[in-house]
Amino acid sequence: MAKATDNRLDQFFTTVRNLIDGIQNDPTLTQVMGTLGYGPAQWAAGQTLYDTTLALHARQKDEYGDQFAATQALNAAWDKADAAYRRTRNLAKVAFRDDPQAQGSLLLGASQGESLSAWLDQARLFYQNLWGRPGMLKAMERFGLTEAQVKAEQALVADVAAKQADQRTQSREAQEATEHRDAQIKSLDRWYIDLRDVARVAFGDRPQVLQNLGLTR
């Protein structure tokens, strides 16, 4: 079948379900199909395949929902941490305007990283070195920056890193769920195509039956 999308797959599942039910709910049609190899075991196998594929489709939707939620949480945490970091970094540029060593230690002359990974590297180093050099925090006190505030801002950066890890996990799980679902869909699609084509042979002289089964095209 064509590339999977939610709408296309929902239609596919409906088509398969309608054909299965259309035959099995009519004893006469079921009997005819039984003479062509579709006995109880074959129907049971097809039903299991259908149910498994439908469950994997639902799981894939759930996994992408989790990924979306994790991405939203990451972006919100990043926005919050970045606002605090930018404010403190800009104040540090004023505090250490005449201190080249501090500027280098805090990366005040570097452009701020645009990617999340680059931003995390810079923010972590900034707060680590702000703590590491005696007198740096003291120099920032005139702007109202306290040790407690620095710790709180470091915690915001750590939260971004934790949410990035979670978002990566959710992305990986969503991708794996998609791969598993798509592989199962191929199996169901093959089973359905065989059933459809056999039914067209079985009821080729009964156009009304084919129409009722959705096989007129």
N, C-alpha and C. Protein backbone atom coordinates (compact mmCIF):
# COMPACT_ATOMS: atom_id res chain seq x y z
N MET A 1 0.84 -1.19 0.00
CA MET A 1 0.00 0.00 0.00
C MET A 1 0.88 1.25 0.00
N ALA A 2 0.28 2.40 -0.26
CA ALA A 2 1.04 3.66 -0.31
C ALA A 2 1.58 4.01 1.06
N LYS A 3 2.42 5.06 1.10
CA LYS A 3 3.03 5.50 2.35
C LYS A 3 1.96 5.73 3.42
N ALA A 4 2.23 5.22 4.62
CA ALA A 4 1.24 5.26 5.69
C ALA A 4 1.04 6.67 6.23
N THR A 5 -0.22 7.06 6.32
CA THR A 5 -0.61 8.25 7.06
C THR A 5 -1.79 7.85 7.91
N ASP A 6 -2.09 8.63 8.96
CA ASP A 6 -3.18 8.25 9.85
C ASP A 6 -4.50 8.10 9.10
N ASN A 7 -4.83 9.05 8.23
CA ASN A 7 -6.10 8.98 7.51
C ASN A 7 -6.14 7.78 6.58
N ARG A 8 -5.04 7.56 5.86
CA ARG A 8 -4.99 6.42 4.94
C ARG A 8 -5.07 5.10 5.69
N LEU A 9 -4.41 5.02 6.83
CA LEU A 9 -4.43 3.79 7.59
C LEU A 9 -5.80 3.53 8.20
N ASP A 10 -6.45 4.59 8.69
CA ASP A 10 -7.80 4.41 9.23
C ASP A 10 -8.73 3.87 8.15
N GLN A 11 -8.59 4.38 6.95
CA GLN A 11 -9.40 3.89 5.83
C GLN A 11 -9.05 2.44 5.50
N PHE A 12 -7.76 2.13 5.54
CA PHE A 12 -7.31 0.76 5.27
C PHE A 12 -7.91 -0.22 6.27
N PHE A 13 -7.84 0.11 7.55
CA PHE A 13 -8.39 -0.79 8.57
C PHE A 13 -9.90 -0.98 8.38
N THR A 14 -10.58 0.09 8.02
CA THR A 14 -12.03 -0.01 7.77
C THR A 14 -12.31 -0.92 6.59
N THR A 15 -11.52 -0.79 5.53
CA THR A 15 -11.70 -1.62 4.34
C THR A 15 -11.50 -3.10 4.66
N VAL A 16 -10.44 -3.39 5.39
CA VAL A 16 -10.15 -4.78 5.77
C VAL A 16 -11.26 -5.34 6.65
N ARG A 17 -11.65 -4.54 7.65
CA ARG A 17 -12.70 -4.98 8.57
C ARG A 17 -14.01 -5.26 7.85
N ASN A 18 -14.36 -4.38 6.92
CA ASN A 18 -15.62 -4.54 6.19
C ASN A 18 -15.62 -5.81 5.34
N LEU A 19 -14.48 -6.12 4.72
CA LEU A 19 -14.42 -7.32 3.90
C LEU A 19 -14.51 -8.58 4.77
N ILE A 20 -13.78 -8.60 5.88
CA ILE A 20 -13.84 -9.75 6.78
C ILE A 20 -15.26 -9.96 7.29
N ASP A 21 -15.85 -8.90 7.81
CA ASP A 21 -17.20 -9.02 8.37
C ASP A 21 -18.23 -9.34 7.29
N GLY A 22 -18.06 -8.73 6.11
CA GLY A 22 -19.01 -8.96 5.04
C GLY A 22 -19.10 -10.43 4.63
N ILE A 23 -17.97 -11.11 4.68
CA ILE A 23 -17.95 -12.53 4.32
C ILE A 23 -18.38 -13.39 5.50
N GLN A 24 -17.80 -13.13 6.66
CA GLN A 24 -18.06 -14.01 7.80
C GLN A 24 -19.47 -13.87 8.37
N ASN A 25 -20.10 -12.74 8.14
CA ASN A 25 -21.46 -12.56 8.65
C ASN A 25 -22.51 -13.19 7.74
N ASP A 26 -22.07 -13.72 6.62
CA ASP A 26 -22.98 -14.38 5.68
C ASP A 26 -22.53 -15.83 5.54
N PRO A 27 -23.27 -16.79 6.12
CA PRO A 27 -22.85 -18.19 6.07
C PRO A 27 -22.64 -18.72 4.66
N THR A 28 -23.44 -18.23 3.71
CA THR A 28 -23.29 -18.71 2.34
C THR A 28 -21.94 -18.29 1.77
N LEU A 29 -21.58 -17.03 2.00
CA LEU A 29 -20.29 -16.54 1.50
C LEU A 29 -19.13 -17.22 2.22
N THR A 30 -19.30 -17.43 3.51
CA THR A 30 -18.26 -18.11 4.28
C THR A 30 -18.03 -19.52 3.75
N GLN A 31 -19.13 -20.21 3.41
CA GLN A 31 -19.02 -21.57 2.89
C GLN A 31 -18.28 -21.59 1.55
N VAL A 32 -18.60 -20.64 0.68
CA VAL A 32 -17.93 -20.58 -0.61
C VAL A 32 -16.44 -20.33 -0.42
N MET A 33 -16.10 -19.39 0.44
CA MET A 33 -14.69 -19.09 0.68
C MET A 33 -13.97 -20.28 1.32
N GLY A 34 -14.73 -21.07 2.08
CA GLY A 34 -14.13 -22.26 2.70
C GLY A 34 -13.66 -23.26 1.67
N THR A 35 -14.35 -23.32 0.53
CA THR A 35 -13.93 -24.24 -0.52
C THR A 35 -12.68 -23.76 -1.24
N LEU A 36 -12.29 -22.52 -0.98
CA LEU A 36 -11.11 -21.93 -1.63
C LEU A 36 -9.97 -21.72 -0.63
N GLY A 37 -10.02 -22.43 0.48
CA GLY A 37 -8.90 -22.39 1.41
C GLY A 37 -9.08 -21.50 2.62
N TYR A 38 -10.23 -20.83 2.74
CA TYR A 38 -10.44 -19.94 3.87
C TYR A 38 -11.35 -20.60 4.90
N GLY A 39 -10.74 -21.54 5.65
CA GLY A 39 -11.44 -22.22 6.72
C GLY A 39 -11.24 -21.48 8.05
N PRO A 40 -11.70 -22.05 9.15
CA PRO A 40 -11.60 -21.40 10.47
C PRO A 40 -10.18 -21.00 10.84
N ALA A 41 -9.21 -21.84 10.54
CA ALA A 41 -7.82 -21.52 10.90
C ALA A 41 -7.32 -20.29 10.17
N GLN A 42 -7.68 -20.19 8.89
CA GLN A 42 -7.24 -19.04 8.10
C GLN A 42 -7.90 -17.74 8.58
N TRP A 43 -9.19 -17.84 8.91
CA TRP A 43 -9.89 -16.66 9.42
C TRP A 43 -9.32 -16.23 10.78
N ALA A 44 -9.02 -17.21 11.62
CA ALA A 44 -8.45 -16.89 12.94
C ALA A 44 -7.09 -16.22 12.79
N ALA A 45 -6.28 -16.73 11.87
CA ALA A 45 -4.97 -16.13 11.64
C ALA A 45 -5.11 -14.70 11.13
N GLY A 46 -6.06 -14.50 10.22
CA GLY A 46 -6.29 -13.15 9.70
C GLY A 46 -6.78 -12.20 10.78
N GLN A 47 -7.65 -12.69 11.64
CA GLN A 47 -8.16 -11.85 12.73
C GLN A 47 -7.05 -11.45 13.69
N THR A 48 -6.19 -12.42 14.01
CA THR A 48 -5.05 -12.12 14.89
C THR A 48 -4.13 -11.09 14.25
N LEU A 49 -3.89 -11.25 12.97
CA LEU A 49 -3.04 -10.30 12.25
C LEU A 49 -3.66 -8.91 12.26
N TYR A 50 -4.94 -8.85 12.04
CA TYR A 50 -5.65 -7.56 12.04
C TYR A 50 -5.58 -6.91 13.43
N ASP A 51 -5.90 -7.69 14.47
CA ASP A 51 -5.90 -7.14 15.83
C ASP A 51 -4.52 -6.66 16.24
N THR A 52 -3.49 -7.44 15.90
CA THR A 52 -2.13 -7.06 16.25
C THR A 52 -1.71 -5.78 15.55
N THR A 53 -2.05 -5.68 14.28
CA THR A 53 -1.68 -4.49 13.52
C THR A 53 -2.41 -3.26 14.04
N LEU A 54 -3.67 -3.41 14.35
CA LEU A 54 -4.45 -2.29 14.88
C LEU A 54 -3.89 -1.83 16.23
N ALA A 55 -3.47 -2.79 17.06
CA ALA A 55 -2.88 -2.44 18.36
C ALA A 55 -1.56 -1.70 18.19
N LEU A 56 -0.75 -2.14 17.23
CA LEU A 56 0.53 -1.46 16.98
C LEU A 56 0.29 -0.05 16.43
N HIS A 57 -0.76 0.10 15.65
CA HIS A 57 -1.10 1.44 15.14
C HIS A 57 -1.48 2.37 16.29
N ALA A 58 -2.28 1.85 17.22
CA ALA A 58 -2.67 2.66 18.38
C ALA A 58 -1.45 3.01 19.24
N ARG A 59 -0.56 2.03 19.40
CA ARG A 59 0.66 2.27 20.19
C ARG A 59 1.53 3.34 19.52
N GLN A 60 1.64 3.26 18.19
CA GLN A 60 2.44 4.26 17.48
C GLN A 60 1.89 5.66 17.69
N LYS A 61 0.58 5.80 17.68
CA LYS A 61 -0.03 7.10 17.93
C LYS A 61 0.30 7.59 19.34
N ASP A 62 0.22 6.66 20.31
CA ASP A 62 0.54 7.03 21.69
C ASP A 62 1.99 7.47 21.83
N GLU A 63 2.89 6.75 21.17
CA GLU A 63 4.31 7.09 21.27
C GLU A 63 4.59 8.47 20.68
N TYR A 64 3.94 8.79 19.58
CA TYR A 64 4.15 10.12 19.01
C TYR A 64 3.50 11.20 19.86
N GLY A 65 2.44 10.84 20.55
CA GLY A 65 1.86 11.79 21.51
C GLY A 65 2.83 12.07 22.65
N ASP A 66 3.49 11.01 23.12
CA ASP A 66 4.50 11.18 24.18
C ASP A 66 5.68 12.02 23.67
N GLN A 67 6.08 11.77 22.43
CA GLN A 67 7.19 12.56 21.88
C GLN A 67 6.82 14.03 21.78
N PHE A 68 5.61 14.31 21.34
CA PHE A 68 5.17 15.70 21.22
C PHE A 68 5.15 16.37 22.60
N ALA A 69 4.63 15.65 23.60
CA ALA A 69 4.59 16.22 24.95
C ALA A 69 5.99 16.47 25.49
N ALA A 70 6.91 15.53 25.21
CA ALA A 70 8.29 15.69 25.68
C ALA A 70 8.96 16.87 24.99
N THR A 71 8.66 17.08 23.72
CA THR A 71 9.24 18.21 22.98
C THR A 71 8.70 19.53 23.52
N GLN A 72 7.41 19.57 23.81
CA GLN A 72 6.82 20.78 24.38
C GLN A 72 7.43 21.10 25.74
N ALA A 73 7.62 20.07 26.55
CA ALA A 73 8.21 20.27 27.88
C ALA A 73 9.66 20.74 27.76
N LEU A 74 10.40 20.17 26.82
CA LEU A 74 11.79 20.59 26.61
C LEU A 74 11.85 22.04 26.17
N ASN A 75 11.03 22.43 25.23
CA ASN A 75 11.06 23.82 24.74
C ASN A 75 10.70 24.81 25.84
N ALA A 76 9.73 24.45 26.66
CA ALA A 76 9.33 25.34 27.75
C ALA A 76 10.47 25.49 28.77
N ALA A 77 11.12 24.36 29.09
CA ALA A 77 12.24 24.41 30.05
C ALA A 77 13.40 25.21 29.48
N TRP A 78 13.66 25.04 28.20
CA TRP A 78 14.76 25.77 27.55
C TRP A 78 14.48 27.27 27.54
N ASP A 79 13.28 27.65 27.21
CA ASP A 79 12.91 29.07 27.21
C ASP A 79 13.12 29.69 28.60
N LYS A 80 12.71 28.97 29.62
CA LYS A 80 12.83 29.49 30.99
C LYS A 80 14.29 29.61 31.40
N ALA A 81 15.07 28.57 31.12
CA ALA A 81 16.49 28.59 31.51
C ALA A 81 17.25 29.62 30.71
N ASP A 82 16.92 29.74 29.44
CA ASP A 82 17.64 30.68 28.58
C ASP A 82 17.40 32.12 28.99
N ALA A 83 16.18 32.42 29.40
CA ALA A 83 15.88 33.78 29.85
C ALA A 83 16.74 34.15 31.07
N ALA A 84 16.85 33.23 32.01
CA ALA A 84 17.67 33.48 33.20
C ALA A 84 19.15 33.57 32.83
N TYR A 85 19.59 32.68 31.98
CA TYR A 85 21.00 32.65 31.57
C TYR A 85 21.38 33.92 30.82
N ARG A 86 20.54 34.34 29.90
CA ARG A 86 20.85 35.56 29.13
C ARG A 86 20.95 36.78 30.05
N ARG A 87 20.03 36.87 30.99
CA ARG A 87 20.04 38.01 31.91
C ARG A 87 21.33 38.03 32.74
N THR A 88 21.68 36.89 33.32
CA THR A 88 22.88 36.83 34.16
C THR A 88 24.15 37.01 33.31
N ARG A 89 24.16 36.45 32.12
CA ARG A 89 25.31 36.60 31.23
C ARG A 89 25.52 38.06 30.82
N ASN A 90 24.43 38.74 30.53
CA ASN A 90 24.54 40.16 30.16
C ASN A 90 25.03 41.01 31.33
N LEU A 91 24.59 40.65 32.55
CA LEU A 91 25.08 41.37 33.73
C LEU A 91 26.57 41.07 33.94
N ALA A 92 26.98 39.84 33.64
CA ALA A 92 28.40 39.47 33.79
C ALA A 92 29.26 40.26 32.81
N LYS A 93 28.73 40.54 31.64
CA LYS A 93 29.49 41.34 30.68
C LYS A 93 29.79 42.73 31.24
N VAL A 94 28.85 43.27 31.99
CA VAL A 94 29.06 44.57 32.63
C VAL A 94 30.05 44.43 33.79
N ALA A 95 29.83 43.41 34.62
CA ALA A 95 30.66 43.22 35.81
C ALA A 95 32.12 42.98 35.46
N PHE A 96 32.37 42.28 34.36
CA PHE A 96 33.73 41.90 34.00
C PHE A 96 34.19 42.56 32.71
N ARG A 97 33.69 43.76 32.50
CA ARG A 97 34.03 44.51 31.29
C ARG A 97 35.54 44.69 31.15
N ASP A 98 36.24 44.87 32.27
CA ASP A 98 37.68 45.12 32.26
C ASP A 98 38.48 43.93 32.76
N ASP A 99 37.89 42.76 32.69
CA ASP A 99 38.55 41.56 33.21
C ASP A 99 38.59 40.50 32.09
N PRO A 100 39.63 40.53 31.26
CA PRO A 100 39.72 39.59 30.12
C PRO A 100 39.70 38.13 30.56
N GLN A 101 40.30 37.85 31.70
CA GLN A 101 40.34 36.46 32.15
C GLN A 101 38.93 35.96 32.48
N ALA A 102 38.17 36.79 33.16
CA ALA A 102 36.79 36.41 33.48
C ALA A 102 35.96 36.29 32.21
N GLN A 103 36.17 37.20 31.28
CA GLN A 103 35.43 37.14 30.03
C GLN A 103 35.69 35.83 29.30
N GLY A 104 36.96 35.42 29.28
CA GLY A 104 37.29 34.16 28.62
C GLY A 104 36.74 32.96 29.37
N SER A 105 36.83 33.01 30.68
CA SER A 105 36.35 31.90 31.50
C SER A 105 34.85 31.69 31.35
N LEU A 106 34.12 32.79 31.21
CA LEU A 106 32.66 32.72 31.11
C LEU A 106 32.16 32.73 29.66
N LEU A 107 33.10 32.74 28.72
CA LEU A 107 32.75 32.75 27.29
C LEU A 107 31.88 33.96 26.93
N LEU A 108 32.19 35.09 27.53
CA LEU A 108 31.34 36.26 27.30
C LEU A 108 31.53 36.86 25.92
N GLY A 109 32.66 36.57 25.29
CA GLY A 109 32.89 37.11 23.97
C GLY A 109 32.41 36.20 22.85
N ALA A 110 31.99 35.00 23.21
CA ALA A 110 31.55 34.03 22.20
C ALA A 110 30.09 34.27 21.85
N SER A 111 29.74 33.98 20.61
CA SER A 111 28.34 34.06 20.22
C SER A 111 27.60 32.93 20.90
N GLN A 112 26.36 33.20 21.28
CA GLN A 112 25.59 32.20 22.01
C GLN A 112 25.17 31.08 21.07
N GLY A 113 25.33 29.83 21.53
CA GLY A 113 25.01 28.68 20.69
C GLY A 113 23.55 28.65 20.28
N GLU A 114 23.32 28.36 19.01
CA GLU A 114 21.95 28.30 18.52
C GLU A 114 21.32 26.92 18.73
N SER A 115 22.11 25.87 18.59
CA SER A 115 21.57 24.53 18.83
C SER A 115 21.47 24.29 20.33
N LEU A 116 20.59 23.37 20.71
CA LEU A 116 20.42 23.08 22.13
C LEU A 116 21.69 22.52 22.73
N SER A 117 22.37 21.64 22.02
CA SER A 117 23.60 21.05 22.56
C SER A 117 24.67 22.11 22.79
N ALA A 118 24.81 23.03 21.83
CA ALA A 118 25.80 24.11 21.99
C ALA A 118 25.41 25.02 23.14
N TRP A 119 24.11 25.31 23.25
CA TRP A 119 23.63 26.16 24.34
C TRP A 119 23.91 25.51 25.69
N LEU A 120 23.66 24.22 25.80
CA LEU A 120 23.91 23.51 27.06
C LEU A 120 25.38 23.56 27.44
N ASP A 121 26.25 23.35 26.47
CA ASP A 121 27.69 23.40 26.75
C ASP A 121 28.09 24.77 27.30
N GLN A 122 27.60 25.82 26.68
CA GLN A 122 27.95 27.18 27.11
C GLN A 122 27.36 27.50 28.48
N ALA A 123 26.10 27.17 28.67
CA ALA A 123 25.43 27.50 29.94
C ALA A 123 26.06 26.73 31.10
N ARG A 124 26.34 25.48 30.91
CA ARG A 124 26.96 24.69 31.97
C ARG A 124 28.32 25.27 32.34
N LEU A 125 29.12 25.59 31.32
CA LEU A 125 30.45 26.13 31.58
C LEU A 125 30.36 27.50 32.26
N PHE A 126 29.41 28.30 31.85
CA PHE A 126 29.23 29.63 32.45
C PHE A 126 29.00 29.52 33.95
N TYR A 127 28.04 28.71 34.34
CA TYR A 127 27.72 28.61 35.77
C TYR A 127 28.81 27.88 36.54
N GLN A 128 29.42 26.89 35.91
CA GLN A 128 30.52 26.17 36.57
C GLN A 128 31.68 27.12 36.87
N ASN A 129 32.04 27.95 35.91
CA ASN A 129 33.17 28.86 36.11
C ASN A 129 32.79 30.06 36.97
N LEU A 130 31.51 30.42 36.95
CA LEU A 130 31.07 31.50 37.84
C LEU A 130 31.28 31.11 39.29
N TRP A 131 31.10 29.82 39.57
CA TRP A 131 31.37 29.31 40.91
C TRP A 131 32.86 29.11 41.15
N GLY A 132 33.58 28.76 40.11
CA GLY A 132 34.94 28.26 40.29
C GLY A 132 36.00 29.29 40.59
N ARG A 133 35.80 30.53 40.21
CA ARG A 133 36.84 31.54 40.43
C ARG A 133 36.48 32.43 41.61
N PRO A 134 37.34 32.47 42.61
CA PRO A 134 37.06 33.29 43.78
C PRO A 134 36.83 34.76 43.38
N GLY A 135 35.80 35.33 43.92
CA GLY A 135 35.53 36.74 43.68
C GLY A 135 34.52 36.99 42.57
N MET A 136 34.25 36.00 41.73
CA MET A 136 33.31 36.23 40.63
C MET A 136 31.90 36.48 41.15
N LEU A 137 31.44 35.61 42.04
CA LEU A 137 30.10 35.82 42.59
C LEU A 137 30.03 37.12 43.38
N LYS A 138 31.12 37.42 44.06
CA LYS A 138 31.17 38.67 44.83
C LYS A 138 31.00 39.87 43.91
N ALA A 139 31.62 39.80 42.76
CA ALA A 139 31.52 40.90 41.81
C ALA A 139 30.11 41.05 41.25
N MET A 140 29.34 39.96 41.27
CA MET A 140 27.99 40.00 40.72
C MET A 140 26.95 40.41 41.76
N GLU A 141 27.37 40.46 43.02
CA GLU A 141 26.41 40.78 44.07
C GLU A 141 25.81 42.17 43.93
N ARG A 142 26.55 43.10 43.33
CA ARG A 142 26.02 44.46 43.20
C ARG A 142 24.84 44.53 42.24
N PHE A 143 24.65 43.44 41.47
CA PHE A 143 23.49 43.37 40.57
C PHE A 143 22.37 42.54 41.19
N GLY A 144 22.54 42.19 42.45
CA GLY A 144 21.51 41.43 43.16
C GLY A 144 21.59 39.94 42.97
N LEU A 145 22.67 39.45 42.36
CA LEU A 145 22.80 38.00 42.13
C LEU A 145 23.35 37.34 43.39
N THR A 146 22.65 36.33 43.88
CA THR A 146 23.05 35.61 45.09
C THR A 146 23.47 34.19 44.74
N GLU A 147 24.11 33.53 45.70
CA GLU A 147 24.48 32.14 45.50
C GLU A 147 23.24 31.29 45.26
N ALA A 148 22.19 31.55 46.00
CA ALA A 148 20.96 30.79 45.84
C ALA A 148 20.38 30.95 44.43
N GLN A 149 20.48 32.16 43.91
CA GLN A 149 19.96 32.40 42.56
C GLN A 149 20.79 31.66 41.51
N VAL A 150 22.12 31.66 41.70
CA VAL A 150 22.98 30.94 40.76
C VAL A 150 22.67 29.45 40.80
N LYS A 151 22.49 28.90 42.00
CA LYS A 151 22.13 27.49 42.12
C LYS A 151 20.80 27.20 41.43
N ALA A 152 19.85 28.11 41.59
CA ALA A 152 18.54 27.92 40.97
C ALA A 152 18.66 27.94 39.45
N GLU A 153 19.50 28.83 38.93
CA GLU A 153 19.67 28.91 37.48
C GLU A 153 20.42 27.69 36.95
N GLN A 154 21.38 27.21 37.73
CA GLN A 154 22.06 25.96 37.34
C GLN A 154 21.07 24.80 37.28
N ALA A 155 20.13 24.79 38.23
CA ALA A 155 19.12 23.74 38.25
C ALA A 155 18.23 23.81 37.01
N LEU A 156 17.97 25.02 36.54
CA LEU A 156 17.17 25.17 35.32
C LEU A 156 17.90 24.57 34.12
N VAL A 157 19.22 24.80 34.06
CA VAL A 157 20.02 24.23 32.98
C VAL A 157 20.02 22.71 33.07
N ALA A 158 20.16 22.18 34.28
CA ALA A 158 20.15 20.72 34.46
C ALA A 158 18.81 20.14 34.05
N ASP A 159 17.74 20.89 34.31
CA ASP A 159 16.41 20.42 33.92
C ASP A 159 16.28 20.34 32.40
N VAL A 160 16.87 21.29 31.71
CA VAL A 160 16.85 21.27 30.24
C VAL A 160 17.57 20.01 29.75
N ALA A 161 18.71 19.71 30.33
CA ALA A 161 19.47 18.53 29.92
C ALA A 161 18.67 17.25 30.16
N ALA A 162 17.99 17.19 31.30
CA ALA A 162 17.18 16.01 31.62
C ALA A 162 16.02 15.87 30.63
N LYS A 163 15.39 16.98 30.31
CA LYS A 163 14.27 16.92 29.37
C LYS A 163 14.74 16.64 27.95
N GLN A 164 15.94 17.06 27.61
CA GLN A 164 16.50 16.71 26.31
C GLN A 164 16.69 15.19 26.21
N ALA A 165 17.21 14.60 27.28
CA ALA A 165 17.41 13.15 27.29
C ALA A 165 16.08 12.42 27.16
N ASP A 166 15.07 12.91 27.86
CA ASP A 166 13.74 12.29 27.78
C ASP A 166 13.15 12.43 26.38
N GLN A 167 13.33 13.61 25.79
CA GLN A 167 12.79 13.83 24.44
C GLN A 167 13.46 12.91 23.43
N ARG A 168 14.75 12.69 23.59
CA ARG A 168 15.47 11.77 22.70
C ARG A 168 14.95 10.35 22.86
N THR A 169 14.70 9.97 24.11
CA THR A 169 14.16 8.63 24.36
C THR A 169 12.78 8.47 23.71
N GLN A 170 11.94 9.49 23.89
CA GLN A 170 10.59 9.42 23.31
C GLN A 170 10.65 9.40 21.78
N SER A 171 11.58 10.14 21.21
CA SER A 171 11.73 10.15 19.74
C SER A 171 12.15 8.78 19.24
N ARG A 172 13.10 8.17 19.94
CA ARG A 172 13.56 6.84 19.54
C ARG A 172 12.43 5.82 19.65
N GLU A 173 11.67 5.88 20.73
CA GLU A 173 10.58 4.93 20.91
C GLU A 173 9.48 5.14 19.87
N ALA A 174 9.23 6.40 19.51
CA ALA A 174 8.23 6.67 18.47
C ALA A 174 8.67 6.11 17.13
N GLN A 175 9.94 6.27 16.82
CA GLN A 175 10.47 5.74 15.56
C GLN A 175 10.41 4.22 15.53
N GLU A 176 10.77 3.60 16.64
CA GLU A 176 10.71 2.14 16.71
C GLU A 176 9.28 1.65 16.57
N ALA A 177 8.34 2.35 17.21
CA ALA A 177 6.94 1.96 17.11
C ALA A 177 6.44 2.08 15.67
N THR A 178 6.90 3.10 14.97
CA THR A 178 6.51 3.28 13.57
C THR A 178 7.05 2.14 12.72
N GLU A 179 8.30 1.77 12.94
CA GLU A 179 8.90 0.68 12.16
C GLU A 179 8.18 -0.64 12.40
N HIS A 180 7.84 -0.92 13.67
CA HIS A 180 7.14 -2.16 13.98
C HIS A 180 5.74 -2.17 13.36
N ARG A 181 5.06 -1.05 13.46
CA ARG A 181 3.71 -0.96 12.88
C ARG A 181 3.76 -1.13 11.37
N ASP A 182 4.68 -0.45 10.71
CA ASP A 182 4.75 -0.49 9.26
C ASP A 182 5.06 -1.90 8.76
N ALA A 183 5.93 -2.61 9.48
CA ALA A 183 6.24 -3.99 9.09
C ALA A 183 5.00 -4.87 9.21
N GLN A 184 4.23 -4.64 10.28
CA GLN A 184 3.02 -5.44 10.48
C GLN A 184 1.96 -5.08 9.45
N ILE A 185 1.89 -3.82 9.08
CA ILE A 185 0.92 -3.40 8.06
C ILE A 185 1.19 -4.09 6.74
N LYS A 186 2.45 -4.26 6.40
CA LYS A 186 2.79 -4.96 5.16
C LYS A 186 2.25 -6.38 5.17
N SER A 187 2.35 -7.04 6.32
CA SER A 187 1.84 -8.40 6.43
C SER A 187 0.32 -8.43 6.30
N LEU A 188 -0.34 -7.51 6.97
CA LEU A 188 -1.80 -7.45 6.89
C LEU A 188 -2.25 -7.08 5.49
N ASP A 189 -1.54 -6.18 4.86
CA ASP A 189 -1.89 -5.76 3.51
C ASP A 189 -1.78 -6.94 2.54
N ARG A 190 -0.75 -7.76 2.69
CA ARG A 190 -0.60 -8.93 1.83
C ARG A 190 -1.74 -9.91 2.07
N TRP A 191 -2.09 -10.15 3.32
CA TRP A 191 -3.19 -11.05 3.65
C TRP A 191 -4.51 -10.52 3.08
N TYR A 192 -4.72 -9.22 3.21
CA TYR A 192 -5.94 -8.61 2.68
C TYR A 192 -6.01 -8.73 1.16
N ILE A 193 -4.92 -8.45 0.47
CA ILE A 193 -4.90 -8.51 -1.00
C ILE A 193 -5.25 -9.93 -1.47
N ASP A 194 -4.69 -10.94 -0.81
CA ASP A 194 -5.02 -12.32 -1.17
C ASP A 194 -6.51 -12.58 -0.96
N LEU A 195 -7.04 -12.16 0.19
CA LEU A 195 -8.45 -12.37 0.48
C LEU A 195 -9.33 -11.65 -0.55
N ARG A 196 -8.97 -10.43 -0.83
CA ARG A 196 -9.74 -9.64 -1.80
C ARG A 196 -9.77 -10.30 -3.17
N ASP A 197 -8.60 -10.74 -3.64
CA ASP A 197 -8.52 -11.32 -4.98
C ASP A 197 -9.22 -12.66 -5.07
N VAL A 198 -9.13 -13.46 -3.99
CA VAL A 198 -9.84 -14.73 -3.98
C VAL A 198 -11.35 -14.49 -3.96
N ALA A 199 -11.79 -13.50 -3.19
CA ALA A 199 -13.22 -13.18 -3.14
C ALA A 199 -13.72 -12.71 -4.50
N ARG A 200 -12.92 -11.99 -5.21
CA ARG A 200 -13.32 -11.53 -6.55
C ARG A 200 -13.49 -12.71 -7.51
N VAL A 201 -12.63 -13.72 -7.33
CA VAL A 201 -12.76 -14.93 -8.14
C VAL A 201 -14.01 -15.69 -7.71
N ALA A 202 -14.18 -15.82 -6.39
CA ALA A 202 -15.29 -16.62 -5.86
C ALA A 202 -16.64 -16.04 -6.24
N PHE A 203 -16.75 -14.72 -6.26
CA PHE A 203 -18.05 -14.08 -6.49
C PHE A 203 -18.06 -13.23 -7.75
N GLY A 204 -17.22 -13.62 -8.69
CA GLY A 204 -17.11 -12.85 -9.92
C GLY A 204 -18.39 -12.81 -10.73
N ASP A 205 -19.26 -13.82 -10.56
CA ASP A 205 -20.51 -13.85 -11.28
C ASP A 205 -21.68 -13.32 -10.44
N ARG A 206 -21.33 -12.70 -9.33
CA ARG A 206 -22.37 -12.14 -8.44
C ARG A 206 -22.02 -10.68 -8.12
N PRO A 207 -22.29 -9.80 -9.06
CA PRO A 207 -21.88 -8.39 -8.90
C PRO A 207 -22.46 -7.72 -7.66
N GLN A 208 -23.64 -8.12 -7.24
CA GLN A 208 -24.23 -7.50 -6.06
C GLN A 208 -23.44 -7.86 -4.80
N VAL A 209 -22.97 -9.11 -4.77
CA VAL A 209 -22.14 -9.53 -3.61
C VAL A 209 -20.84 -8.73 -3.60
N LEU A 210 -20.22 -8.60 -4.77
CA LEU A 210 -18.98 -7.83 -4.84
C LEU A 210 -19.21 -6.40 -4.41
N GLN A 211 -20.32 -5.83 -4.80
CA GLN A 211 -20.63 -4.45 -4.41
C GLN A 211 -20.81 -4.36 -2.90
N ASN A 212 -21.53 -5.32 -2.34
CA ASN A 212 -21.74 -5.30 -0.89
C ASN A 212 -20.44 -5.45 -0.11
N LEU A 213 -19.49 -6.17 -0.72
CA LEU A 213 -18.19 -6.36 -0.07
C LEU A 213 -17.22 -5.23 -0.36
N GLY A 214 -17.63 -4.26 -1.17
CA GLY A 214 -16.76 -3.14 -1.51
C GLY A 214 -15.69 -3.51 -2.51
N LEU A 215 -15.97 -4.49 -3.37
CA LEU A 215 -14.97 -5.00 -4.32
C LEU A 215 -15.34 -4.70 -5.78
N THR A 216 -16.12 -3.67 -5.98
CA THR A 216 -16.54 -3.38 -7.35
C THR A 216 -15.48 -2.66 -8.14
N ARG A 217 -14.50 -2.06 -7.48
CA ARG A 217 -13.46 -1.32 -8.20
C ARG A 217 -12.29 -2.22 -8.52
